[in-house]
Structure formats: C-alpha cells, structure tokens
Amino acid sequence: MEGRVRALFIAPEKKAKPVMLDEVCAIAAGFEGDFHTTTTANRRQILMISQDVLQEFDLPPGSLFENIVVEGLDVMKFESGRQLRVGGTILEVTVPCTPCGQMEGIRQGLKRALDGRRGMFARVVSSGIVRVGDVIHD
C-alpha cells in the first residue's frame, strides 16, 4: 500500500479559505496553524481525502476543507486505528468524515453525493514535517 501527498492545506481560522502549503508541521494536536488544532487530544485533527473523489466531482484541491489530498489510495478503505507514515510523521486513522451542510454551499446535492466518500480523519501519533510529494505507507 503506497500513495502520495498531492496537496496540503490549513484553514487559519473558522470559515476561512484554506491555504495551500508545500509543507506543514504536524504537531501533537494537528497541523500547525490550522484552526482545528487544539491543545486537547482530538480524533478529528487532520482530514484526508482521495484525489479521485475531487476529480470525479470536478472540484479543485482544498475546496472540501481537507488537509491532505491523497493520490493513489482510497482513504475510505483505511480502517480506524491504522497507522500511516506520512513524510516525517505518523498519523492514526480515526473516523470517517460525515458530509455536512457546508457541502451544499459548494454545490447542490454534494452532501448526499459525498456520503461515505468525504474522507477520513486522523490524529497525530508522532510529530514531524509533511511535504507535498511525500510517500504514504504503513
């Protein structure tokens, strides 16, 4: 099992447009600079989505508020508890992301269309740097 990081994003504040980065530091609470990063342990620190899903819906990377766009893997097949080495960090897959009402603001019907395909959340197990182009493997 091997994929690649194709894009990285953080949202500096709630409802802000995601900022694309070439690299980001994964710290114990999530991606440094992302408003979802908190001081407490959280199962929903980092959202991963498969590049194929974005392509299928003709959506540019970052438009679904994801943090990592994954090429070559179906993230929905990741089991909770699975640990992934992503660049210099280790992430643990936690729970699927349920599409919310914000999806309807992007495109009518998108919330339903993304059901079961919206992506998987992960938490940081080991801090480190993640870069675009990094290999993802277990």
N, C-alpha and C. Protein backbone atom coordinates (compact mmCIF):
# COMPACT_ATOMS: atom_id res chain seq x y z
N MET A 1 0.84 -1.17 0.00
CA MET A 1 0.00 0.00 0.00
C MET A 1 0.89 1.24 0.00
N GLU A 2 0.76 2.04 -1.04
CA GLU A 2 1.56 3.25 -1.10
C GLU A 2 0.82 4.30 -1.92
N GLY A 3 0.80 5.49 -1.41
CA GLY A 3 0.21 6.63 -2.10
C GLY A 3 1.14 7.81 -1.92
N ARG A 4 0.65 8.97 -2.34
CA ARG A 4 1.45 10.20 -2.22
C ARG A 4 0.58 11.36 -1.78
N VAL A 5 1.22 12.28 -1.07
CA VAL A 5 0.58 13.53 -0.70
C VAL A 5 0.60 14.42 -1.94
N ARG A 6 -0.57 14.80 -2.43
CA ARG A 6 -0.64 15.65 -3.63
C ARG A 6 -0.90 17.10 -3.30
N ALA A 7 -1.50 17.38 -2.14
CA ALA A 7 -1.73 18.77 -1.73
C ALA A 7 -1.92 18.81 -0.22
N LEU A 8 -1.53 19.95 0.37
CA LEU A 8 -1.66 20.18 1.81
C LEU A 8 -2.35 21.52 2.04
N PHE A 9 -3.23 21.55 3.04
CA PHE A 9 -3.98 22.77 3.35
C PHE A 9 -4.13 22.95 4.85
N ILE A 10 -4.18 24.22 5.25
CA ILE A 10 -4.64 24.58 6.58
C ILE A 10 -5.67 25.68 6.42
N ALA A 11 -6.57 25.78 7.39
CA ALA A 11 -7.51 26.90 7.45
C ALA A 11 -7.10 27.71 8.68
N PRO A 12 -6.59 28.93 8.48
CA PRO A 12 -6.07 29.70 9.61
C PRO A 12 -7.13 30.11 10.63
N GLU A 13 -8.39 30.18 10.21
CA GLU A 13 -9.48 30.49 11.13
C GLU A 13 -10.76 29.88 10.61
N LYS A 14 -11.77 29.82 11.46
CA LYS A 14 -13.04 29.21 11.08
C LYS A 14 -13.64 29.93 9.88
N LYS A 15 -14.11 29.14 8.93
CA LYS A 15 -14.75 29.61 7.70
C LYS A 15 -13.80 30.37 6.77
N ALA A 16 -12.50 30.32 7.06
CA ALA A 16 -11.52 30.96 6.18
C ALA A 16 -11.24 30.04 4.99
N LYS A 17 -10.88 30.64 3.88
CA LYS A 17 -10.48 29.87 2.71
C LYS A 17 -9.20 29.11 3.05
N PRO A 18 -9.16 27.79 2.75
CA PRO A 18 -7.95 27.02 3.04
C PRO A 18 -6.73 27.56 2.29
N VAL A 19 -5.59 27.51 2.96
CA VAL A 19 -4.32 27.97 2.41
C VAL A 19 -3.51 26.75 1.99
N MET A 20 -3.07 26.73 0.73
CA MET A 20 -2.26 25.63 0.23
C MET A 20 -0.81 25.85 0.65
N LEU A 21 -0.19 24.76 1.10
CA LEU A 21 1.20 24.81 1.54
C LEU A 21 2.02 23.73 0.84
N ASP A 22 3.32 23.96 0.74
CA ASP A 22 4.23 22.94 0.22
C ASP A 22 4.63 21.96 1.31
N GLU A 23 4.63 22.45 2.56
CA GLU A 23 4.95 21.59 3.70
C GLU A 23 4.25 22.16 4.93
N VAL A 24 4.04 21.28 5.89
CA VAL A 24 3.39 21.69 7.14
C VAL A 24 3.96 20.83 8.27
N CYS A 25 3.99 21.41 9.46
CA CYS A 25 4.46 20.69 10.63
C CYS A 25 3.26 20.06 11.33
N ALA A 26 3.30 18.76 11.47
CA ALA A 26 2.27 18.04 12.23
C ALA A 26 2.75 18.00 13.68
N ILE A 27 1.98 18.62 14.56
CA ILE A 27 2.30 18.63 15.99
C ILE A 27 1.28 17.75 16.71
N ALA A 28 1.45 17.55 18.00
CA ALA A 28 0.60 16.62 18.75
C ALA A 28 -0.89 16.88 18.58
N ALA A 29 -1.28 18.13 18.33
CA ALA A 29 -2.70 18.47 18.25
C ALA A 29 -3.22 18.67 16.82
N GLY A 30 -2.39 18.41 15.81
CA GLY A 30 -2.83 18.57 14.42
C GLY A 30 -1.80 19.33 13.60
N PHE A 31 -2.26 19.94 12.51
CA PHE A 31 -1.36 20.71 11.65
C PHE A 31 -1.17 22.10 12.24
N GLU A 32 0.08 22.47 12.42
CA GLU A 32 0.40 23.79 12.95
C GLU A 32 -0.22 24.88 12.07
N GLY A 33 -0.92 25.81 12.71
CA GLY A 33 -1.54 26.92 12.00
C GLY A 33 -2.97 26.68 11.57
N ASP A 34 -3.47 25.45 11.72
CA ASP A 34 -4.85 25.15 11.34
C ASP A 34 -5.77 25.42 12.53
N PHE A 35 -6.91 26.04 12.28
CA PHE A 35 -7.79 26.40 13.39
C PHE A 35 -8.38 25.18 14.09
N HIS A 36 -8.37 24.01 13.45
CA HIS A 36 -8.85 22.79 14.10
C HIS A 36 -7.86 22.27 15.14
N THR A 37 -6.61 22.74 15.08
CA THR A 37 -5.59 22.31 16.01
C THR A 37 -5.90 22.89 17.38
N THR A 38 -6.00 22.00 18.36
CA THR A 38 -6.33 22.43 19.72
C THR A 38 -5.29 21.88 20.68
N THR A 39 -5.41 22.26 21.93
CA THR A 39 -4.47 21.78 22.93
C THR A 39 -4.91 20.43 23.50
N THR A 40 -6.08 19.95 23.13
CA THR A 40 -6.57 18.67 23.64
C THR A 40 -6.50 17.60 22.57
N ALA A 41 -6.46 16.36 23.00
CA ALA A 41 -6.46 15.25 22.05
C ALA A 41 -7.80 15.25 21.31
N ASN A 42 -7.73 15.05 20.03
CA ASN A 42 -8.93 15.12 19.20
C ASN A 42 -8.81 14.08 18.09
N ARG A 43 -9.89 13.34 17.85
CA ARG A 43 -9.89 12.33 16.79
C ARG A 43 -10.03 12.96 15.41
N ARG A 44 -10.38 14.23 15.35
CA ARG A 44 -10.65 14.90 14.08
C ARG A 44 -9.62 16.00 13.80
N GLN A 45 -8.34 15.68 13.93
CA GLN A 45 -7.29 16.68 13.76
C GLN A 45 -7.00 16.99 12.30
N ILE A 46 -6.92 15.96 11.47
CA ILE A 46 -6.48 16.11 10.08
C ILE A 46 -7.43 15.34 9.19
N LEU A 47 -7.93 16.01 8.14
CA LEU A 47 -8.85 15.36 7.20
C LEU A 47 -8.11 15.01 5.91
N MET A 48 -8.18 13.71 5.56
CA MET A 48 -7.58 13.21 4.32
C MET A 48 -8.69 12.88 3.33
N ILE A 49 -8.49 13.21 2.07
CA ILE A 49 -9.45 12.85 1.02
C ILE A 49 -8.67 12.32 -0.18
N SER A 50 -9.29 11.41 -0.88
CA SER A 50 -8.66 10.84 -2.08
C SER A 50 -8.78 11.82 -3.24
N GLN A 51 -7.71 11.97 -3.98
CA GLN A 51 -7.69 12.84 -5.15
C GLN A 51 -8.77 12.43 -6.16
N ASP A 52 -9.03 11.12 -6.27
CA ASP A 52 -10.04 10.63 -7.21
C ASP A 52 -11.41 11.21 -6.94
N VAL A 53 -11.75 11.43 -5.68
CA VAL A 53 -13.06 11.98 -5.33
C VAL A 53 -13.16 13.42 -5.84
N LEU A 54 -12.12 14.19 -5.61
CA LEU A 54 -12.13 15.58 -6.10
C LEU A 54 -12.25 15.61 -7.62
N GLN A 55 -11.52 14.73 -8.29
CA GLN A 55 -11.57 14.69 -9.76
C GLN A 55 -12.95 14.27 -10.25
N GLU A 56 -13.54 13.29 -9.60
CA GLU A 56 -14.87 12.82 -10.02
C GLU A 56 -15.90 13.94 -9.98
N PHE A 57 -15.81 14.80 -8.97
CA PHE A 57 -16.77 15.89 -8.82
C PHE A 57 -16.26 17.20 -9.42
N ASP A 58 -15.13 17.13 -10.12
CA ASP A 58 -14.54 18.30 -10.77
C ASP A 58 -14.36 19.46 -9.78
N LEU A 59 -13.75 19.12 -8.64
CA LEU A 59 -13.51 20.10 -7.59
C LEU A 59 -12.01 20.32 -7.42
N PRO A 60 -11.59 21.56 -7.27
CA PRO A 60 -10.16 21.80 -7.06
C PRO A 60 -9.74 21.38 -5.66
N PRO A 61 -8.49 20.97 -5.49
CA PRO A 61 -7.99 20.64 -4.15
C PRO A 61 -8.23 21.81 -3.19
N GLY A 62 -8.61 21.47 -1.96
CA GLY A 62 -8.88 22.47 -0.93
C GLY A 62 -10.32 22.90 -0.85
N SER A 63 -11.12 22.58 -1.85
CA SER A 63 -12.49 23.07 -1.88
C SER A 63 -13.41 22.38 -0.87
N LEU A 64 -13.01 21.21 -0.38
CA LEU A 64 -13.84 20.49 0.60
C LEU A 64 -13.25 20.60 2.01
N PHE A 65 -12.36 21.56 2.21
CA PHE A 65 -11.79 21.85 3.51
C PHE A 65 -10.91 20.72 4.05
N GLU A 66 -10.36 19.93 3.14
CA GLU A 66 -9.47 18.84 3.53
C GLU A 66 -8.09 19.40 3.86
N ASN A 67 -7.33 18.62 4.62
CA ASN A 67 -5.95 18.99 4.94
C ASN A 67 -4.95 18.30 4.03
N ILE A 68 -5.24 17.04 3.67
CA ILE A 68 -4.33 16.27 2.82
C ILE A 68 -5.12 15.68 1.65
N VAL A 69 -4.63 15.92 0.44
CA VAL A 69 -5.17 15.25 -0.75
C VAL A 69 -4.23 14.08 -1.03
N VAL A 70 -4.81 12.88 -1.09
CA VAL A 70 -4.04 11.64 -1.25
C VAL A 70 -4.21 11.11 -2.66
N GLU A 71 -3.09 10.85 -3.33
CA GLU A 71 -3.11 10.26 -4.66
C GLU A 71 -2.76 8.78 -4.56
N GLY A 72 -3.51 7.96 -5.27
CA GLY A 72 -3.15 6.54 -5.39
C GLY A 72 -3.74 5.63 -4.35
N LEU A 73 -4.52 6.16 -3.42
CA LEU A 73 -5.15 5.35 -2.38
C LEU A 73 -6.59 5.81 -2.15
N ASP A 74 -7.46 4.87 -1.84
CA ASP A 74 -8.82 5.19 -1.44
C ASP A 74 -8.82 5.31 0.08
N VAL A 75 -8.83 6.52 0.58
CA VAL A 75 -8.74 6.72 2.03
C VAL A 75 -9.94 6.12 2.77
N MET A 76 -11.05 5.93 2.09
CA MET A 76 -12.23 5.36 2.73
C MET A 76 -12.02 3.88 3.07
N LYS A 77 -10.99 3.27 2.53
CA LYS A 77 -10.68 1.88 2.85
C LYS A 77 -9.76 1.76 4.06
N PHE A 78 -9.27 2.89 4.57
CA PHE A 78 -8.43 2.86 5.76
C PHE A 78 -9.29 2.49 6.96
N GLU A 79 -8.82 1.57 7.76
CA GLU A 79 -9.54 1.16 8.97
C GLU A 79 -9.14 2.05 10.14
N SER A 80 -10.11 2.32 11.02
CA SER A 80 -9.81 3.06 12.24
C SER A 80 -8.72 2.34 13.01
N GLY A 81 -7.75 3.10 13.51
CA GLY A 81 -6.63 2.54 14.25
C GLY A 81 -5.40 2.28 13.40
N ARG A 82 -5.55 2.27 12.09
CA ARG A 82 -4.42 2.03 11.19
C ARG A 82 -3.45 3.20 11.28
N GLN A 83 -2.17 2.89 11.39
CA GLN A 83 -1.17 3.94 11.45
C GLN A 83 -0.48 4.06 10.10
N LEU A 84 -0.29 5.31 9.68
CA LEU A 84 0.31 5.62 8.39
C LEU A 84 1.54 6.49 8.60
N ARG A 85 2.62 6.18 7.90
CA ARG A 85 3.77 7.07 7.87
C ARG A 85 3.54 8.02 6.69
N VAL A 86 3.49 9.30 7.02
CA VAL A 86 3.27 10.34 6.02
C VAL A 86 4.42 11.33 6.18
N GLY A 87 5.38 11.24 5.26
CA GLY A 87 6.57 12.08 5.41
C GLY A 87 7.26 11.75 6.70
N GLY A 88 7.51 12.78 7.51
CA GLY A 88 8.22 12.59 8.77
C GLY A 88 7.33 12.40 9.97
N THR A 89 6.08 12.08 9.75
CA THR A 89 5.15 11.91 10.86
C THR A 89 4.41 10.58 10.77
N ILE A 90 3.79 10.22 11.87
CA ILE A 90 2.90 9.05 11.88
C ILE A 90 1.51 9.54 12.26
N LEU A 91 0.54 9.18 11.44
CA LEU A 91 -0.86 9.52 11.69
C LEU A 91 -1.63 8.24 11.97
N GLU A 92 -2.63 8.34 12.84
CA GLU A 92 -3.52 7.23 13.11
C GLU A 92 -4.90 7.57 12.56
N VAL A 93 -5.41 6.73 11.69
CA VAL A 93 -6.75 6.91 11.13
C VAL A 93 -7.76 6.74 12.26
N THR A 94 -8.73 7.65 12.33
CA THR A 94 -9.70 7.60 13.43
C THR A 94 -11.11 7.30 12.93
N VAL A 95 -11.77 8.28 12.33
CA VAL A 95 -13.18 8.13 11.94
C VAL A 95 -13.43 8.72 10.57
N PRO A 96 -14.49 8.24 9.88
CA PRO A 96 -14.86 8.87 8.61
C PRO A 96 -15.46 10.26 8.86
N CYS A 97 -15.33 11.11 7.88
CA CYS A 97 -15.92 12.44 7.92
C CYS A 97 -17.32 12.37 7.30
N THR A 98 -18.30 12.80 8.05
CA THR A 98 -19.67 12.84 7.54
C THR A 98 -19.88 14.16 6.82
N PRO A 99 -20.38 14.14 5.60
CA PRO A 99 -20.61 15.39 4.88
C PRO A 99 -21.60 16.28 5.65
N CYS A 100 -21.30 17.56 5.71
CA CYS A 100 -22.15 18.50 6.44
C CYS A 100 -22.84 19.46 5.46
N GLY A 101 -23.62 20.35 6.00
CA GLY A 101 -24.36 21.32 5.19
C GLY A 101 -23.49 22.25 4.38
N GLN A 102 -22.22 22.43 4.78
CA GLN A 102 -21.31 23.28 4.00
C GLN A 102 -21.13 22.75 2.58
N MET A 103 -21.32 21.45 2.39
CA MET A 103 -21.16 20.86 1.06
C MET A 103 -22.21 21.42 0.10
N GLU A 104 -23.40 21.71 0.62
CA GLU A 104 -24.46 22.28 -0.23
C GLU A 104 -24.12 23.69 -0.69
N GLY A 105 -23.30 24.40 0.10
CA GLY A 105 -22.86 25.72 -0.31
C GLY A 105 -21.86 25.68 -1.45
N ILE A 106 -21.22 24.54 -1.62
CA ILE A 106 -20.27 24.35 -2.71
C ILE A 106 -21.01 23.97 -3.99
N ARG A 107 -21.95 23.03 -3.83
CA ARG A 107 -22.75 22.56 -4.97
C ARG A 107 -23.98 21.85 -4.43
N GLN A 108 -25.12 22.15 -4.99
CA GLN A 108 -26.36 21.48 -4.59
C GLN A 108 -26.25 19.98 -4.83
N GLY A 109 -26.63 19.20 -3.82
CA GLY A 109 -26.60 17.75 -3.93
C GLY A 109 -25.28 17.13 -3.53
N LEU A 110 -24.26 17.95 -3.24
CA LEU A 110 -22.94 17.43 -2.93
C LEU A 110 -22.92 16.69 -1.59
N LYS A 111 -23.70 17.16 -0.64
CA LYS A 111 -23.73 16.49 0.67
C LYS A 111 -24.12 15.02 0.51
N ARG A 112 -25.17 14.77 -0.22
CA ARG A 112 -25.62 13.39 -0.43
C ARG A 112 -24.63 12.61 -1.30
N ALA A 113 -24.10 13.26 -2.33
CA ALA A 113 -23.18 12.59 -3.25
C ALA A 113 -21.90 12.15 -2.55
N LEU A 114 -21.48 12.89 -1.52
CA LEU A 114 -20.24 12.58 -0.81
C LEU A 114 -20.44 11.62 0.36
N ASP A 115 -21.66 11.20 0.61
CA ASP A 115 -21.92 10.29 1.72
C ASP A 115 -21.07 9.02 1.56
N GLY A 116 -20.27 8.71 2.57
CA GLY A 116 -19.40 7.55 2.51
C GLY A 116 -18.13 7.76 1.70
N ARG A 117 -17.88 9.01 1.26
CA ARG A 117 -16.72 9.29 0.41
C ARG A 117 -16.00 10.59 0.79
N ARG A 118 -16.45 11.23 1.85
CA ARG A 118 -15.99 12.57 2.22
C ARG A 118 -14.55 12.60 2.73
N GLY A 119 -14.04 11.45 3.17
CA GLY A 119 -12.67 11.39 3.65
C GLY A 119 -12.60 10.77 5.03
N MET A 120 -11.37 10.63 5.51
CA MET A 120 -11.12 10.04 6.83
C MET A 120 -10.31 11.02 7.67
N PHE A 121 -10.67 11.09 8.94
CA PHE A 121 -9.91 11.89 9.88
C PHE A 121 -8.76 11.07 10.44
N ALA A 122 -7.74 11.77 10.90
CA ALA A 122 -6.59 11.13 11.54
C ALA A 122 -6.12 12.04 12.67
N ARG A 123 -5.38 11.42 13.58
CA ARG A 123 -4.74 12.18 14.65
C ARG A 123 -3.23 11.94 14.56
N VAL A 124 -2.47 12.89 15.08
CA VAL A 124 -1.02 12.81 15.04
C VAL A 124 -0.53 11.90 16.17
N VAL A 125 0.24 10.88 15.80
CA VAL A 125 0.87 9.99 16.77
C VAL A 125 2.30 10.44 17.02
N SER A 126 2.98 10.83 15.96
CA SER A 126 4.37 11.26 16.04
C SER A 126 4.54 12.53 15.20
N SER A 127 5.01 13.60 15.84
CA SER A 127 5.16 14.88 15.16
C SER A 127 6.25 14.84 14.09
N GLY A 128 6.11 15.72 13.11
CA GLY A 128 7.11 15.81 12.05
C GLY A 128 6.61 16.68 10.91
N ILE A 129 7.40 16.75 9.87
CA ILE A 129 7.08 17.57 8.70
C ILE A 129 6.44 16.69 7.62
N VAL A 130 5.38 17.22 7.02
CA VAL A 130 4.72 16.57 5.88
C VAL A 130 4.89 17.51 4.69
N ARG A 131 5.32 16.93 3.55
CA ARG A 131 5.53 17.73 2.34
C ARG A 131 4.73 17.16 1.17
N VAL A 132 4.36 18.05 0.27
CA VAL A 132 3.74 17.60 -0.99
C VAL A 132 4.74 16.68 -1.69
N GLY A 133 4.25 15.53 -2.14
CA GLY A 133 5.10 14.54 -2.79
C GLY A 133 5.54 13.43 -1.87
N ASP A 134 5.36 13.59 -0.55
CA ASP A 134 5.74 12.54 0.39
C ASP A 134 4.95 11.27 0.12
N VAL A 135 5.63 10.16 0.36
CA VAL A 135 5.00 8.84 0.23
C VAL A 135 4.18 8.57 1.49
N ILE A 136 3.04 7.92 1.29
CA ILE A 136 2.18 7.49 2.40
C ILE A 136 2.22 5.97 2.42
N HIS A 137 2.64 5.41 3.54
CA HIS A 137 2.66 3.95 3.65
C HIS A 137 2.49 3.54 5.10
N ASP A 138 2.16 2.24 5.29
CA ASP A 138 2.02 1.74 6.66
C ASP A 138 3.16 0.84 7.02
